Protein backbone atom coordinates (compact mmCIF):
# COMPACT_ATOMS: atom_id res chain seq x y z
CA MET A 1 -15.82 8.72 -20.12
CA SER A 2 -15.63 5.45 -18.31
CA ILE A 3 -12.85 4.83 -15.81
CA VAL A 4 -12.47 1.33 -17.28
CA ILE A 5 -11.85 2.76 -20.75
CA ASP A 6 -9.74 5.74 -19.60
CA TYR A 7 -7.37 3.56 -17.59
CA LYS A 8 -7.65 0.50 -19.91
CA ILE A 9 -8.63 -1.72 -16.98
CA SER A 10 -8.76 -5.47 -17.37
CA PHE A 11 -8.74 -8.28 -14.82
CA GLY A 12 -7.48 -11.80 -14.70
CA VAL A 13 -6.82 -14.81 -12.53
CA LYS A 14 -3.55 -16.69 -12.71
CA ARG A 15 -3.06 -20.09 -11.11
CA ILE A 16 0.31 -20.43 -9.35
CA HIS A 17 1.15 -23.52 -7.27
CA ASP A 18 -2.52 -24.59 -7.07
CA ARG A 19 -3.62 -21.17 -5.89
CA ASP A 20 -5.54 -18.50 -7.81
CA PHE A 21 -4.12 -14.97 -7.83
CA LYS A 22 -6.27 -12.12 -9.07
CA PHE A 23 -4.62 -9.29 -10.95
CA ILE A 24 -5.46 -6.02 -12.66
CA ARG A 25 -3.92 -4.46 -15.76
CA THR A 26 -4.14 -0.72 -16.40
CA ILE A 27 -2.20 2.02 -18.15
CA SER A 28 0.31 1.98 -15.28
CA SER A 29 2.31 -0.92 -13.87
CA SER A 30 2.63 1.09 -10.62
CA LEU A 31 -1.16 1.31 -10.33
CA ASP A 32 -1.45 -2.42 -11.15
CA SER A 33 1.08 -3.30 -8.48
CA ILE A 34 -0.51 -1.23 -5.73
CA ILE A 35 -4.11 -2.31 -6.42
CA THR A 36 -3.17 -5.98 -6.56
CA GLU A 37 -1.92 -5.78 -2.96
CA PHE A 38 -5.52 -5.34 -1.77
CA ARG A 39 -6.47 -9.01 -2.10
CA ASN A 40 -9.47 -9.18 0.21
CA ILE A 41 -12.61 -7.22 0.97
CA ILE A 42 -11.36 -5.94 4.35
CA ASN A 43 -8.22 -4.44 2.82
CA CYS A 44 -10.26 -2.90 0.00
CA ASP A 45 -12.72 -1.42 2.49
CA ASN A 46 -9.89 0.02 4.60
CA LEU A 47 -8.41 1.72 1.54
CA LEU A 48 -11.83 3.04 0.49
CA GLY A 49 -12.26 4.45 4.01
CA ALA A 50 -8.99 6.36 3.72
CA ILE A 51 -9.95 7.67 0.29
CA ASN A 52 -13.38 8.78 1.55
CA LEU A 53 -11.74 10.69 4.41
CA LYS A 54 -9.69 12.70 1.92
CA LEU A 55 -12.59 13.29 -0.46
CA ALA A 56 -14.57 15.03 2.30
CA PRO A 57 -14.85 18.75 1.48
CA SER A 58 -13.17 19.93 4.68
CA SER A 59 -10.28 17.48 4.71
CA PRO A 60 -6.93 19.25 4.47
CA GLY A 61 -3.59 17.51 4.27
CA GLU A 62 -2.78 14.01 3.16
CA ILE A 63 -2.91 10.38 4.19
CA LEU A 64 0.19 8.25 3.69
CA TYR A 65 -0.90 4.63 3.29
CA THR A 66 1.92 2.08 3.31
CA THR A 67 1.07 -1.35 1.90
CA GLN A 68 2.31 -4.75 3.04
CA GLY A 69 4.59 -4.75 0.01
CA LEU A 70 6.15 -1.49 1.29
CA GLN A 71 4.68 0.60 -1.47
CA LEU A 72 3.18 3.96 -0.56
CA ILE A 73 -0.08 5.68 -1.49
CA LYS A 74 -0.23 9.41 -0.81
CA ILE A 75 -3.88 10.50 -0.84
CA THR A 76 -5.01 14.13 -0.90
CA HIS A 77 -8.38 15.60 -1.74
CA ALA A 78 -7.39 16.25 -5.36
CA THR A 79 -4.76 13.65 -6.26
CA THR A 80 -3.39 10.26 -5.32
CA GLU A 81 0.29 9.54 -5.82
CA ILE A 82 1.75 6.04 -5.94
CA TYR A 83 5.32 5.31 -4.91
CA ARG A 84 6.67 1.81 -5.49
CA ASP A 85 9.29 2.20 -2.72
CA SER A 86 8.14 3.72 0.59
CA ALA A 87 11.71 3.81 1.94
CA ARG A 88 12.81 5.96 -1.00
CA TYR A 89 9.93 8.34 -0.30
CA ASP A 90 10.77 8.41 3.42
CA SER A 91 14.35 9.43 2.66
CA ASN A 92 13.23 12.11 0.16
CA PRO A 93 9.54 13.14 0.16
CA ASP A 94 10.23 15.44 -2.81
CA ILE A 95 10.81 12.58 -5.25
CA THR A 96 8.46 12.27 -8.20
CA ALA A 97 5.65 9.76 -7.78
CA ASP A 98 5.70 6.66 -9.96
CA PHE A 99 2.09 7.40 -10.94
CA THR A 100 -0.40 10.16 -10.15
CA LEU A 101 -4.14 10.25 -10.77
CA PRO A 102 -7.18 12.14 -9.47
CA THR A 103 -8.34 10.77 -6.12
CA ALA A 104 -11.91 10.46 -7.43
CA ASP A 105 -10.61 8.19 -10.23
CA PHE A 106 -8.55 6.17 -7.75
CA LYS A 107 -11.67 5.62 -5.64
CA GLU A 108 -13.60 4.30 -8.65
CA ILE A 109 -10.75 1.95 -9.60
CA VAL A 110 -10.59 0.58 -6.04
CA LYS A 111 -14.38 0.08 -6.05
CA ILE A 112 -14.19 -1.82 -9.35
CA TRP A 113 -11.30 -3.93 -8.03
CA ARG A 114 -13.27 -4.64 -4.81
CA GLU A 115 -16.16 -5.95 -6.90
CA PHE A 116 -13.77 -8.24 -8.77
CA VAL A 117 -12.30 -9.51 -5.48
CA VAL A 118 -15.80 -10.18 -4.09
CA ASN A 119 -17.15 -11.87 -7.22
CA GLY A 120 -14.26 -14.28 -7.65
CA ASP A 121 -13.37 -14.91 -11.24
CA VAL A 122 -16.44 -13.07 -12.55
CA TYR A 123 -15.74 -9.62 -13.91
CA PRO A 124 -17.64 -6.78 -12.26
CA ASN A 125 -20.56 -5.18 -14.04
CA PHE A 126 -19.36 -1.93 -15.58
């Protein structure tokens, strides 16, 4: 099945104080919030680089990726966990993630988002 359909992905642009803000809507507000923080191609590429490191067959462990909004992405080979509060995770790494998905799916969502960021207000080709 398509990632777009599975995660009910849609995009939009909202004008706030004469500035356009791109956003994503999915099945999870936590996923929406974390993806929206990657507002430019460089940030998207950096995140894709981290994901690709973990998807390598011989890549044990995890990458903890803290966003500017102080959210946390925990990337392993199999799964990606999203925490809306990195400080809460730091004080108790055993807390339940706000959203979990397969890392391969997360990579595809980031790639789709990157295309939307690059193409302005034109939706990516799915």
